[in-house]
Amino acid sequence: MNEDKITKLYHSIGEVAKLVGVETHVLRYWENEFPQLNPRKNNAGRRTYTRKDLETAYRIYELLRVDKYTLAGARQILESEADAEPVQRSTKRQELLNLRSFLENIKQQLA
């Protein structure tokens, strides 16, 4: 997926299909198979994909077409990645707090 082409906040299903490299009916099918891919619908009932939706669609494409996972396997990987995100955030936060404490100790020693 070319990051330079992604400048809009919202994309139509046709734009996402073109960026990901699949047909629109494939995206609709993936919406039924993967709860992580859930674009909003506007007042006219048209799907509007955010950047996160676009990234999710491309991740599904990678798992299914590049890595050759089955639907069930790809679904399981996406679920495990979603579960890991909060843990990574809390780990990063703890690392930053530890670094801050370390730097404050150095500052006190130098004063």
N, C-alpha and C. Protein backbone atom coordinates (compact mmCIF):
# COMPACT_ATOMS: atom_id res chain seq x y z
N MET A 1 0.86 -1.17 0.00
CA MET A 1 0.00 0.00 0.00
C MET A 1 0.90 1.23 0.00
N ASN A 2 0.66 2.14 -0.90
CA ASN A 2 1.47 3.33 -1.03
C ASN A 2 0.94 4.42 -0.09
N GLU A 3 1.73 4.75 0.93
CA GLU A 3 1.33 5.74 1.93
C GLU A 3 1.13 7.13 1.33
N ASP A 4 1.85 7.45 0.24
CA ASP A 4 1.75 8.77 -0.37
C ASP A 4 0.37 9.03 -0.97
N LYS A 5 -0.32 7.98 -1.39
CA LYS A 5 -1.63 8.14 -2.02
C LYS A 5 -2.74 8.40 -1.01
N ILE A 6 -2.47 8.16 0.25
CA ILE A 6 -3.50 8.25 1.28
C ILE A 6 -3.45 9.64 1.91
N THR A 7 -4.31 10.52 1.42
CA THR A 7 -4.33 11.89 1.93
C THR A 7 -5.68 12.26 2.53
N LYS A 8 -6.73 11.55 2.17
CA LYS A 8 -8.08 11.89 2.63
C LYS A 8 -8.38 11.24 3.97
N LEU A 9 -9.32 11.83 4.69
CA LEU A 9 -9.76 11.24 5.96
C LEU A 9 -10.69 10.06 5.73
N TYR A 10 -11.53 10.16 4.71
CA TYR A 10 -12.50 9.11 4.42
C TYR A 10 -12.38 8.69 2.97
N HIS A 11 -12.57 7.39 2.75
CA HIS A 11 -12.45 6.84 1.40
C HIS A 11 -13.71 6.03 1.07
N SER A 12 -14.05 5.99 -0.20
CA SER A 12 -15.17 5.17 -0.65
C SER A 12 -14.69 3.72 -0.78
N ILE A 13 -15.63 2.82 -0.93
CA ILE A 13 -15.28 1.41 -1.06
C ILE A 13 -14.46 1.18 -2.34
N GLY A 14 -14.76 1.92 -3.39
CA GLY A 14 -14.00 1.78 -4.63
C GLY A 14 -12.55 2.23 -4.48
N GLU A 15 -12.36 3.32 -3.75
CA GLU A 15 -11.00 3.82 -3.51
C GLU A 15 -10.19 2.83 -2.68
N VAL A 16 -10.82 2.29 -1.64
CA VAL A 16 -10.13 1.32 -0.78
C VAL A 16 -9.81 0.06 -1.57
N ALA A 17 -10.75 -0.40 -2.37
CA ALA A 17 -10.52 -1.60 -3.18
C ALA A 17 -9.32 -1.39 -4.10
N LYS A 18 -9.24 -0.22 -4.70
CA LYS A 18 -8.13 0.07 -5.62
C LYS A 18 -6.80 0.14 -4.86
N LEU A 19 -6.79 0.80 -3.70
CA LEU A 19 -5.57 0.91 -2.91
C LEU A 19 -5.09 -0.44 -2.38
N VAL A 20 -6.03 -1.28 -1.97
CA VAL A 20 -5.67 -2.58 -1.42
C VAL A 20 -5.34 -3.58 -2.52
N GLY A 21 -6.04 -3.47 -3.66
CA GLY A 21 -5.79 -4.38 -4.77
C GLY A 21 -6.78 -5.51 -4.87
N VAL A 22 -8.02 -5.24 -4.46
CA VAL A 22 -9.09 -6.24 -4.54
C VAL A 22 -10.33 -5.59 -5.15
N GLU A 23 -11.32 -6.41 -5.44
CA GLU A 23 -12.60 -5.91 -5.95
C GLU A 23 -13.48 -5.47 -4.77
N THR A 24 -14.48 -4.65 -5.05
CA THR A 24 -15.35 -4.15 -3.99
C THR A 24 -16.13 -5.27 -3.31
N HIS A 25 -16.52 -6.29 -4.09
CA HIS A 25 -17.28 -7.38 -3.47
C HIS A 25 -16.43 -8.15 -2.46
N VAL A 26 -15.12 -8.15 -2.64
CA VAL A 26 -14.22 -8.81 -1.69
C VAL A 26 -14.23 -8.05 -0.37
N LEU A 27 -14.19 -6.72 -0.44
CA LEU A 27 -14.25 -5.92 0.79
C LEU A 27 -15.56 -6.15 1.54
N ARG A 28 -16.66 -6.22 0.80
CA ARG A 28 -17.96 -6.47 1.44
C ARG A 28 -17.96 -7.83 2.14
N TYR A 29 -17.36 -8.82 1.48
CA TYR A 29 -17.27 -10.16 2.06
C TYR A 29 -16.41 -10.12 3.33
N TRP A 30 -15.28 -9.44 3.26
CA TRP A 30 -14.41 -9.34 4.42
C TRP A 30 -15.10 -8.66 5.59
N GLU A 31 -15.98 -7.70 5.31
CA GLU A 31 -16.72 -7.04 6.39
C GLU A 31 -17.56 -8.06 7.16
N ASN A 32 -18.10 -9.06 6.47
CA ASN A 32 -18.89 -10.09 7.13
C ASN A 32 -18.01 -11.08 7.89
N GLU A 33 -16.80 -11.30 7.41
CA GLU A 33 -15.91 -12.31 7.99
C GLU A 33 -15.02 -11.78 9.11
N PHE A 34 -14.71 -10.49 9.07
CA PHE A 34 -13.78 -9.90 10.03
C PHE A 34 -14.44 -8.73 10.74
N PRO A 35 -14.77 -8.89 12.03
CA PRO A 35 -15.43 -7.80 12.76
C PRO A 35 -14.54 -6.56 12.90
N GLN A 36 -13.23 -6.71 12.74
CA GLN A 36 -12.33 -5.57 12.84
C GLN A 36 -12.51 -4.60 11.67
N LEU A 37 -13.01 -5.09 10.55
CA LEU A 37 -13.25 -4.24 9.38
C LEU A 37 -14.72 -3.83 9.40
N ASN A 38 -14.95 -2.62 9.89
CA ASN A 38 -16.33 -2.17 10.09
C ASN A 38 -16.46 -0.70 9.70
N PRO A 39 -16.50 -0.41 8.38
CA PRO A 39 -16.62 0.99 7.97
C PRO A 39 -18.00 1.54 8.31
N ARG A 40 -18.04 2.83 8.57
CA ARG A 40 -19.32 3.48 8.83
C ARG A 40 -20.06 3.69 7.53
N LYS A 41 -21.35 3.87 7.65
CA LYS A 41 -22.15 4.21 6.47
C LYS A 41 -22.68 5.62 6.66
N ASN A 42 -22.62 6.40 5.58
CA ASN A 42 -23.11 7.77 5.67
C ASN A 42 -24.63 7.79 5.53
N ASN A 43 -25.22 8.96 5.50
CA ASN A 43 -26.68 9.09 5.42
C ASN A 43 -27.26 8.44 4.18
N ALA A 44 -26.48 8.40 3.11
CA ALA A 44 -26.95 7.79 1.86
C ALA A 44 -26.75 6.27 1.87
N GLY A 45 -26.17 5.74 2.95
CA GLY A 45 -25.95 4.30 3.04
C GLY A 45 -24.65 3.83 2.41
N ARG A 46 -23.81 4.76 2.00
CA ARG A 46 -22.53 4.39 1.38
C ARG A 46 -21.47 4.20 2.46
N ARG A 47 -20.62 3.23 2.24
CA ARG A 47 -19.55 2.96 3.18
C ARG A 47 -18.50 4.08 3.13
N THR A 48 -18.04 4.50 4.31
CA THR A 48 -16.94 5.45 4.39
C THR A 48 -15.84 4.81 5.24
N TYR A 49 -14.71 4.59 4.62
CA TYR A 49 -13.59 3.94 5.28
C TYR A 49 -12.62 4.98 5.83
N THR A 50 -12.21 4.80 7.08
CA THR A 50 -11.19 5.65 7.69
C THR A 50 -9.82 5.06 7.37
N ARG A 51 -8.79 5.77 7.77
CA ARG A 51 -7.43 5.25 7.57
C ARG A 51 -7.25 3.92 8.32
N LYS A 52 -7.82 3.82 9.51
CA LYS A 52 -7.71 2.57 10.29
C LYS A 52 -8.40 1.43 9.54
N ASP A 53 -9.56 1.69 8.95
CA ASP A 53 -10.25 0.67 8.15
C ASP A 53 -9.39 0.26 6.96
N LEU A 54 -8.76 1.23 6.34
CA LEU A 54 -7.90 0.96 5.19
C LEU A 54 -6.71 0.09 5.60
N GLU A 55 -6.10 0.42 6.73
CA GLU A 55 -4.98 -0.38 7.23
C GLU A 55 -5.43 -1.79 7.58
N THR A 56 -6.61 -1.93 8.16
CA THR A 56 -7.15 -3.25 8.48
C THR A 56 -7.39 -4.05 7.22
N ALA A 57 -7.98 -3.43 6.21
CA ALA A 57 -8.23 -4.12 4.94
C ALA A 57 -6.93 -4.59 4.31
N TYR A 58 -5.91 -3.74 4.37
CA TYR A 58 -4.63 -4.13 3.79
C TYR A 58 -3.98 -5.25 4.60
N ARG A 59 -4.14 -5.23 5.92
CA ARG A 59 -3.60 -6.31 6.76
C ARG A 59 -4.30 -7.63 6.43
N ILE A 60 -5.60 -7.58 6.22
CA ILE A 60 -6.35 -8.79 5.83
C ILE A 60 -5.83 -9.29 4.49
N TYR A 61 -5.62 -8.36 3.55
CA TYR A 61 -5.07 -8.73 2.24
C TYR A 61 -3.73 -9.44 2.39
N GLU A 62 -2.84 -8.88 3.22
CA GLU A 62 -1.53 -9.49 3.44
C GLU A 62 -1.67 -10.90 4.00
N LEU A 63 -2.53 -11.05 5.00
CA LEU A 63 -2.69 -12.36 5.63
C LEU A 63 -3.25 -13.40 4.66
N LEU A 64 -4.26 -13.00 3.88
CA LEU A 64 -4.92 -13.96 2.99
C LEU A 64 -4.16 -14.19 1.69
N ARG A 65 -3.71 -13.14 1.06
CA ARG A 65 -3.13 -13.26 -0.29
C ARG A 65 -1.62 -13.43 -0.30
N VAL A 66 -0.93 -12.79 0.64
CA VAL A 66 0.53 -12.86 0.65
C VAL A 66 1.01 -14.01 1.53
N ASP A 67 0.52 -14.04 2.77
CA ASP A 67 0.94 -15.07 3.72
C ASP A 67 0.17 -16.38 3.57
N LYS A 68 -0.90 -16.37 2.78
CA LYS A 68 -1.70 -17.56 2.44
C LYS A 68 -2.39 -18.20 3.65
N TYR A 69 -2.85 -17.38 4.59
CA TYR A 69 -3.63 -17.90 5.70
C TYR A 69 -5.06 -18.19 5.24
N THR A 70 -5.72 -19.08 5.95
CA THR A 70 -7.15 -19.31 5.71
C THR A 70 -7.91 -18.16 6.37
N LEU A 71 -9.21 -18.08 6.10
CA LEU A 71 -10.02 -17.05 6.75
C LEU A 71 -9.96 -17.18 8.27
N ALA A 72 -10.09 -18.42 8.75
CA ALA A 72 -10.06 -18.65 10.19
C ALA A 72 -8.70 -18.28 10.78
N GLY A 73 -7.64 -18.61 10.08
CA GLY A 73 -6.30 -18.28 10.55
C GLY A 73 -6.06 -16.78 10.59
N ALA A 74 -6.49 -16.09 9.54
CA ALA A 74 -6.34 -14.64 9.48
C ALA A 74 -7.17 -13.97 10.57
N ARG A 75 -8.37 -14.48 10.79
CA ARG A 75 -9.25 -13.93 11.83
C ARG A 75 -8.58 -14.07 13.20
N GLN A 76 -7.98 -15.24 13.43
CA GLN A 76 -7.32 -15.51 14.71
C GLN A 76 -6.12 -14.57 14.91
N ILE A 77 -5.35 -14.34 13.87
CA ILE A 77 -4.19 -13.44 13.97
C ILE A 77 -4.65 -12.02 14.25
N LEU A 78 -5.68 -11.55 13.55
CA LEU A 78 -6.18 -10.19 13.78
C LEU A 78 -6.69 -10.03 15.21
N GLU A 79 -7.35 -11.05 15.73
CA GLU A 79 -7.84 -10.99 17.11
C GLU A 79 -6.69 -10.94 18.09
N SER A 80 -5.64 -11.74 17.85
CA SER A 80 -4.49 -11.74 18.76
C SER A 80 -3.74 -10.42 18.69
N GLU A 81 -3.66 -9.82 17.49
CA GLU A 81 -3.01 -8.51 17.35
C GLU A 81 -3.81 -7.44 18.08
N ALA A 82 -5.12 -7.52 18.02
CA ALA A 82 -5.97 -6.54 18.71
C ALA A 82 -5.82 -6.68 20.22
N ASP A 83 -5.69 -7.92 20.70
CA ASP A 83 -5.51 -8.15 22.13
C ASP A 83 -4.15 -7.64 22.60
N ALA A 84 -3.15 -7.69 21.74
CA ALA A 84 -1.79 -7.30 22.12
C ALA A 84 -1.62 -5.78 22.18
N GLU A 85 -2.43 -5.02 21.46
CA GLU A 85 -2.26 -3.57 21.40
C GLU A 85 -2.32 -2.90 22.78
N PRO A 86 -3.33 -3.17 23.63
CA PRO A 86 -3.35 -2.51 24.94
C PRO A 86 -2.15 -2.87 25.80
N VAL A 87 -1.67 -4.10 25.70
CA VAL A 87 -0.51 -4.52 26.47
C VAL A 87 0.71 -3.74 26.02
N GLN A 88 0.87 -3.58 24.71
CA GLN A 88 2.01 -2.84 24.19
C GLN A 88 1.96 -1.39 24.65
N ARG A 89 0.78 -0.80 24.66
CA ARG A 89 0.65 0.59 25.10
C ARG A 89 1.05 0.74 26.56
N SER A 90 0.58 -0.18 27.41
CA SER A 90 0.91 -0.07 28.83
C SER A 90 2.39 -0.34 29.06
N THR A 91 2.98 -1.24 28.27
CA THR A 91 4.40 -1.51 28.38
C THR A 91 5.20 -0.28 27.97
N LYS A 92 4.81 0.36 26.88
CA LYS A 92 5.49 1.57 26.43
C LYS A 92 5.38 2.67 27.48
N ARG A 93 4.20 2.80 28.06
CA ARG A 93 4.00 3.82 29.09
C ARG A 93 4.91 3.55 30.28
N GLN A 94 5.00 2.30 30.69
CA GLN A 94 5.86 1.95 31.82
C GLN A 94 7.32 2.23 31.49
N GLU A 95 7.74 1.93 30.27
CA GLU A 95 9.12 2.21 29.86
C GLU A 95 9.41 3.70 29.93
N LEU A 96 8.46 4.51 29.48
CA LEU A 96 8.64 5.96 29.52
C LEU A 96 8.70 6.47 30.96
N LEU A 97 7.86 5.92 31.83
CA LEU A 97 7.89 6.33 33.23
C LEU A 97 9.22 5.95 33.88
N ASN A 98 9.72 4.76 33.56
CA ASN A 98 11.02 4.33 34.09
C ASN A 98 12.14 5.25 33.60
N LEU A 99 12.10 5.60 32.33
CA LEU A 99 13.11 6.49 31.76
C LEU A 99 13.05 7.86 32.43
N ARG A 100 11.85 8.34 32.65
CA ARG A 100 11.69 9.65 33.30
C ARG A 100 12.28 9.62 34.71
N SER A 101 11.99 8.56 35.44
CA SER A 101 12.53 8.42 36.79
C SER A 101 14.05 8.37 36.76
N PHE A 102 14.59 7.63 35.82
CA PHE A 102 16.04 7.52 35.67
C PHE A 102 16.66 8.89 35.39
N LEU A 103 16.06 9.64 34.48
CA LEU A 103 16.58 10.97 34.14
C LEU A 103 16.46 11.94 35.31
N GLU A 104 15.39 11.84 36.09
CA GLU A 104 15.24 12.70 37.27
C GLU A 104 16.32 12.38 38.30
N ASN A 105 16.65 11.10 38.45
CA ASN A 105 17.72 10.72 39.38
C ASN A 105 19.06 11.30 38.94
N ILE A 106 19.34 11.24 37.65
CA ILE A 106 20.59 11.81 37.13
C ILE A 106 20.61 13.32 37.36
N LYS A 107 19.48 13.96 37.13
CA LYS A 107 19.39 15.41 37.33
C LYS A 107 19.69 15.78 38.79
N GLN A 108 19.15 14.99 39.73
CA GLN A 108 19.39 15.25 41.15
C GLN A 108 20.85 15.03 41.51
N GLN A 109 21.46 14.03 40.93
CA GLN A 109 22.87 13.75 41.22
C GLN A 109 23.78 14.85 40.69
N LEU A 110 23.41 15.44 39.57
CA LEU A 110 24.22 16.50 38.98
C LEU A 110 24.04 17.84 39.69
N ALA A 111 22.94 18.00 40.39
CA ALA A 111 22.66 19.29 41.06
C ALA A 111 23.41 19.45 42.35
